[in-house]
C-alpha atoms as a PDB file:
ATOM      1  CA  MET A   1    -130.382 -17.524  84.198  1.00  0.00           C
ATOM      2  CA  GLY A   2    -127.028 -18.573  85.283  1.00  0.00           C
ATOM      3  CA  VAL A   3    -125.893 -18.447  88.851  1.00  0.00           C
ATOM      4  CA  GLU A   4    -124.041 -15.262  89.670  1.00  0.00           C
ATOM      5  CA  PHE A   5    -121.194 -15.452  92.075  1.00  0.00           C
ATOM      6  CA  SER A   6    -120.469 -12.401  94.128  1.00  0.00           C
ATOM      7  CA  LYS A   7    -116.999 -11.095  93.872  1.00  0.00           C
ATOM      8  CA  SER A   8    -115.181 -12.275  96.913  1.00  0.00           C
ATOM      9  CA  ARG A   9    -112.689 -10.094  98.635  1.00  0.00           C
ATOM     10  CA  GLY A  10    -109.207 -11.310  99.264  1.00  0.00           C
ATOM     11  CA  ILE A  11    -108.352 -13.560 102.141  1.00  0.00           C
ATOM     12  CA  PHE A  12    -106.500 -10.726 103.878  1.00  0.00           C
ATOM     13  CA  SER A  13    -109.200  -8.097 103.520  1.00  0.00           C
ATOM     14  CA  GLY A  14    -110.126  -8.017 107.273  1.00  0.00           C
ATOM     15  CA  VAL A  15    -106.592  -8.275 108.637  1.00  0.00           C
ATOM     16  CA  GLY A  16    -106.165  -4.509 108.943  1.00  0.00           C
ATOM     17  CA  VAL A  17    -109.332  -4.057 110.968  1.00  0.00           C
ATOM     18  CA  ILE A  18    -108.522  -7.001 113.228  1.00  0.00           C
ATOM     19  CA  THR A  19    -104.952  -5.753 113.751  1.00  0.00           C
ATOM     20  CA  LEU A  20    -106.226  -2.299 114.633  1.00  0.00           C
ATOM     21  CA  ALA A  21    -108.766  -3.764 117.092  1.00  0.00           C
ATOM     22  CA  VAL A  22    -106.046  -5.834 118.781  1.00  0.00           C
ATOM     23  CA  VAL A  23    -103.681  -2.835 119.098  1.00  0.00           C
ATOM     24  CA  VAL A  24    -106.444  -0.628 120.549  1.00  0.00           C
ATOM     25  CA  THR A  25    -107.477  -3.361 123.015  1.00  0.00           C
ATOM     26  CA  VAL A  26    -103.884  -3.936 124.188  1.00  0.00           C
ATOM     27  CA  MET A  27    -103.334  -0.188 124.597  1.00  0.00           C
ATOM     28  CA  ALA A  28    -106.565   0.236 126.573  1.00  0.00           C
ATOM     29  CA  ALA A  29    -105.697  -2.727 128.841  1.00  0.00           C
ATOM     30  CA  SER A  30    -102.197  -1.323 129.423  1.00  0.00           C
ATOM     31  CA  VAL A  31    -103.510   2.092 130.369  1.00  0.00           C
ATOM     32  CA  PHE A  32    -106.101   0.522 132.679  1.00  0.00           C
ATOM     33  CA  LEU A  33    -103.525  -1.618 134.464  1.00  0.00           C
ATOM     34  CA  HIS A  34    -101.061   1.240 134.806  1.00  0.00           C
ATOM     35  CA  VAL A  35    -103.642   3.712 136.183  1.00  0.00           C
ATOM     36  CA  ARG A  36    -104.989   1.150 138.628  1.00  0.00           C
ATOM     37  CA  CYS A  37    -101.526   0.275 139.930  1.00  0.00           C
ATOM     38  CA  ALA A  38    -100.355   3.911 140.160  1.00  0.00           C
ATOM     39  CA  ASN A  39    -103.537   4.915 142.015  1.00  0.00           C
ATOM     40  CA  ASP A  40    -103.096   2.023 144.444  1.00  0.00           C
ATOM     41  CA  PHE A  41     -99.502   3.111 145.020  1.00  0.00           C
ATOM     42  CA  TRP A  42    -100.459   6.701 145.810  1.00  0.00           C
ATOM     43  CA  ASP A  43    -103.393   5.621 147.965  1.00  0.00           C
ATOM     44  CA  ALA A  44    -101.178   3.341 150.037  1.00  0.00           C
ATOM     45  CA  ALA A  45     -98.183   5.704 150.210  1.00  0.00           C
ATOM     46  CA  ASN A  46     -98.059   6.918 153.803  1.00  0.00           C
ATOM     47  CA  VAL A  47     -95.839   9.942 154.052  1.00  0.00           C
ATOM     48  CA  TYR A  48     -93.807  10.184 157.230  1.00  0.00           C
ATOM     49  CA  PRO A  49     -94.737  13.315 159.245  1.00  0.00           C
ATOM     50  CA  ASN A  50     -92.685  16.376 158.312  1.00  0.00           C
ATOM     51  CA  ALA A  51     -90.806  14.502 155.593  1.00  0.00           C
ATOM     52  CA  GLN A  52     -89.735  16.531 152.577  1.00  0.00           C
ATOM     53  CA  LEU A  53     -90.179  15.300 149.027  1.00  0.00           C
ATOM     54  CA  ILE A  54     -86.761  15.008 147.369  1.00  0.00           C
ATOM     55  CA  GLU A  55     -87.481  13.093 144.174  1.00  0.00           C
ATOM     56  CA  SER A  56     -90.422  11.575 142.301  1.00  0.00           C
ATOM     57  CA  GLU A  57     -90.392   9.133 139.375  1.00  0.00           C
ATOM     58  CA  SER A  58     -93.306   7.629 137.485  1.00  0.00           C
ATOM     59  CA  ASN A  59     -92.845   5.436 134.445  1.00  0.00           C
ATOM     60  CA  PHE A  60     -95.619   4.008 132.311  1.00  0.00           C
ATOM     61  CA  LEU A  61     -95.899   0.274 133.124  1.00  0.00           C
ATOM     62  CA  GLY A  62     -92.752   0.549 135.199  1.00  0.00           C
ATOM     63  CA  LEU A  63     -91.289   1.959 138.371  1.00  0.00           C
ATOM     64  CA  GLN A  64     -93.327   4.302 140.567  1.00  0.00           C
ATOM     65  CA  ARG A  65     -90.985   5.847 143.126  1.00  0.00           C
ATOM     66  CA  VAL A  66     -90.809   8.756 145.534  1.00  0.00           C
ATOM     67  CA  VAL A  67     -87.936   9.708 147.836  1.00  0.00           C
ATOM     68  CA  TYR A  68     -88.503  11.671 151.023  1.00  0.00           C
ATOM     69  CA  HIS A  69     -86.056  13.012 153.610  1.00  0.00           C
ATOM     70  CA  SER A  70     -86.627  13.194 157.348  1.00  0.00           C
ATOM     71  CA  ASN A  71     -84.390  14.562 160.079  1.00  0.00           C
ATOM     72  CA  ASP A  72     -85.398  11.643 162.323  1.00  0.00           C
ATOM     73  CA  ALA A  73     -83.231   8.564 162.844  1.00  0.00           C
ATOM     74  CA  PRO A  74     -83.875   5.608 160.486  1.00  0.00           C
ATOM     75  CA  GLU A  75     -84.960   3.385 163.386  1.00  0.00           C
ATOM     76  CA  ALA A  76     -87.694   5.842 164.407  1.00  0.00           C
ATOM     77  CA  VAL A  77     -88.934   6.130 160.817  1.00  0.00           C
ATOM     78  CA  GLN A  78     -88.915   2.335 160.345  1.00  0.00           C
ATOM     79  CA  ASP A  79     -90.906   1.871 163.556  1.00  0.00           C
ATOM     80  CA  TRP A  80     -93.442   4.483 162.400  1.00  0.00           C
ATOM     81  CA  TYR A  81     -93.987   2.671 159.069  1.00  0.00           C
ATOM     82  CA  ARG A  82     -94.339  -0.720 160.761  1.00  0.00           C
ATOM     83  CA  THR A  83     -96.918   0.759 163.180  1.00  0.00           C
ATOM     84  CA  GLN A  84     -98.874   2.403 160.321  1.00  0.00           C
ATOM     85  CA  VAL A  85     -99.028  -0.816 158.273  1.00  0.00           C
ATOM     86  CA  ALA A  86    -100.050  -2.844 161.335  1.00  0.00           C
ATOM     87  CA  GLN A  87    -102.839  -0.375 162.106  1.00  0.00           C
ATOM     88  CA  GLN A  88    -104.078  -0.321 158.510  1.00  0.00           C
ATOM     89  CA  SER A  89    -104.014  -4.122 158.260  1.00  0.00           C
ATOM     90  CA  ALA A  90    -105.930  -4.437 161.532  1.00  0.00           C
ATOM     91  CA  GLU A  91    -108.545  -1.886 160.356  1.00  0.00           C
ATOM     92  CA  GLN A  92    -108.946  -3.675 156.990  1.00  0.00           C
ATOM     93  CA  MET A  93    -109.348  -7.043 158.700  1.00  0.00           C
ATOM     94  CA  ARG A  94    -111.832  -5.669 161.243  1.00  0.00           C
ATOM     95  CA  GLU A  95    -113.900  -4.153 158.446  1.00  0.00           C
ATOM     96  CA  ALA A  96    -113.735  -7.403 156.450  1.00  0.00           C
ATOM     97  CA  VAL A  97    -114.817  -9.539 159.397  1.00  0.00           C
ATOM     98  CA  THR A  98    -117.705  -7.225 160.241  1.00  0.00           C
ATOM     99  CA  SER A  99    -118.939  -6.964 156.665  1.00  0.00           C
ATOM    100  CA  GLY A 100    -118.044 -10.468 155.523  1.00  0.00           C
ATOM    101  CA  ASP A 101    -116.379  -8.995 152.433  1.00  0.00           C
ATOM    102  CA  PHE A 102    -112.678  -9.836 152.310  1.00  0.00           C
ATOM    103  CA  ARG A 103    -111.990  -8.354 148.864  1.00  0.00           C
ATOM    104  CA  GLY A 104    -110.545  -5.145 150.357  1.00  0.00           C
ATOM    105  CA  VAL A 105    -107.960  -6.920 152.507  1.00  0.00           C
ATOM    106  CA  LYS A 106    -104.543  -6.480 150.932  1.00  0.00           C
ATOM    107  CA  GLN A 107    -101.624  -8.705 151.798  1.00  0.00           C
ATOM    108  CA  THR A 108     -98.731  -6.881 150.230  1.00  0.00           C
ATOM    109  CA  ALA A 109     -95.021  -6.763 150.938  1.00  0.00           C
ATOM    110  CA  PRO A 110     -93.709  -3.507 152.373  1.00  0.00           C
ATOM    111  CA  PHE A 111     -92.780  -1.157 149.576  1.00  0.00           C
ATOM    112  CA  TRP A 112     -90.648   1.244 151.596  1.00  0.00           C
ATOM    113  CA  THR A 113     -86.920   1.375 152.227  1.00  0.00           C
ATOM    114  CA  ILE A 114     -85.453   3.455 155.032  1.00  0.00           C
ATOM    115  CA  THR A 115     -81.738   4.291 154.853  1.00  0.00           C
ATOM    116  CA  PRO A 116     -79.469   6.702 156.733  1.00  0.00           C
ATOM    117  CA  ASP A 117     -78.905   9.863 154.746  1.00  0.00           C
ATOM    118  CA  ALA A 118     -75.185  10.641 155.062  1.00  0.00           C
ATOM    119  CA  GLU A 119     -75.447  13.804 152.931  1.00  0.00           C
ATOM    120  CA  ARG A 120     -78.232  15.583 154.843  1.00  0.00           C
ATOM    121  CA  GLY A 121     -78.338  13.605 158.083  1.00  0.00           C
ATOM    122  CA  GLY A 122     -81.441  11.834 159.251  1.00  0.00           C
ATOM    123  CA  SER A 123     -83.191   9.334 156.942  1.00  0.00           C
ATOM    124  CA  SER A 124     -83.998   8.762 153.310  1.00  0.00           C
ATOM    125  CA  ILE A 125     -87.435   7.212 152.806  1.00  0.00           C
ATOM    126  CA  ILE A 126     -87.945   5.477 149.473  1.00  0.00           C
ATOM    127  CA  LEU A 127     -91.437   4.346 148.504  1.00  0.00           C
ATOM    128  CA  ALA A 128     -91.476   2.288 145.288  1.00  0.00           C
ATOM    129  CA  VAL A 129     -93.448  -0.306 143.330  1.00  0.00           C
ATOM    130  CA  VAL A 130     -93.255  -1.738 139.828  1.00  0.00           C
ATOM    131  CA  CYS A 131     -96.483  -1.400 137.871  1.00  0.00           C
ATOM    132  CA  PRO A 132     -98.673  -3.119 136.852  1.00  0.00           C
ATOM    133  CA  SER A 133     -97.766  -5.943 139.297  1.00  0.00           C
ATOM    134  CA  GLY A 134     -97.656  -3.624 142.317  1.00  0.00           C
ATOM    135  CA  THR A 135     -94.656  -5.459 143.750  1.00  0.00           C
ATOM    136  CA  PRO A 136     -91.662  -3.746 145.347  1.00  0.00           C
ATOM    137  CA  PRO A 137     -88.577  -3.478 143.128  1.00  0.00           C
ATOM    138  CA  LEU A 138     -85.815  -5.934 143.870  1.00  0.00           C
END
């Protein structure tokens, strides 16, 4: 008639399960953030007309970068990108004002760099962001 005590497991018995759960959660969050950032990059990447893809780089939770070449002068390419961004910003703002939903309005820094291409002539167009922050590389 004595009181029976159940055998208790050790103090560290659940550590393995908790550690596994934390690792899986961190991995899932990392993948989610990377995919979201990379998709935003590719959705926002306007390709200059008739530009040729030279190089593409995509790193997990890191730099997303593409390099294009155009035979046009760097000034013309830069003007085209400024015009495209201004048009897209105006469209987003118009949509937001009409709908009252400003969640889709993005205020981001330009993520393109236009440089003269001494090797091929014309321009090099570099589109790049660092994921998961979505900011242009320094």
